[in-house]
């Protein structure tokens, strides 16, 4: 049974930083691309970033240059470093591998 667990969310002021973590179990983590998505309140879920099996990365235009996705296959974990956070980054952030999703972690950017 695949399990993805996100952590690291919280309340931060505009311009601040947070680092989200996603730890996987029940899969060979290194064999899969890992995605981060987010769902702002009242809106559709949207793509944030991807780290491929070969460690290539891609970002949505809204976070490019501010967010960095990384992975540690030895720890079956992925990370999302978020810098220069803006109020519009407020959302529940989800980790995704294939058809499996974590429970999400809330990020709130507010003064």
Foldseek 3Di string as FASTA:
>chain_A
DKAKAKDWADEAAQQAKIKMKIAMPDDQLLQWKKFKWWDAPPGDIGGAKIQGSVRDMDGDPVQPPFWDKDDDSVRRMIMIIGGRDDQVVFTWMWMDTDPDIHPTDTHGYHD
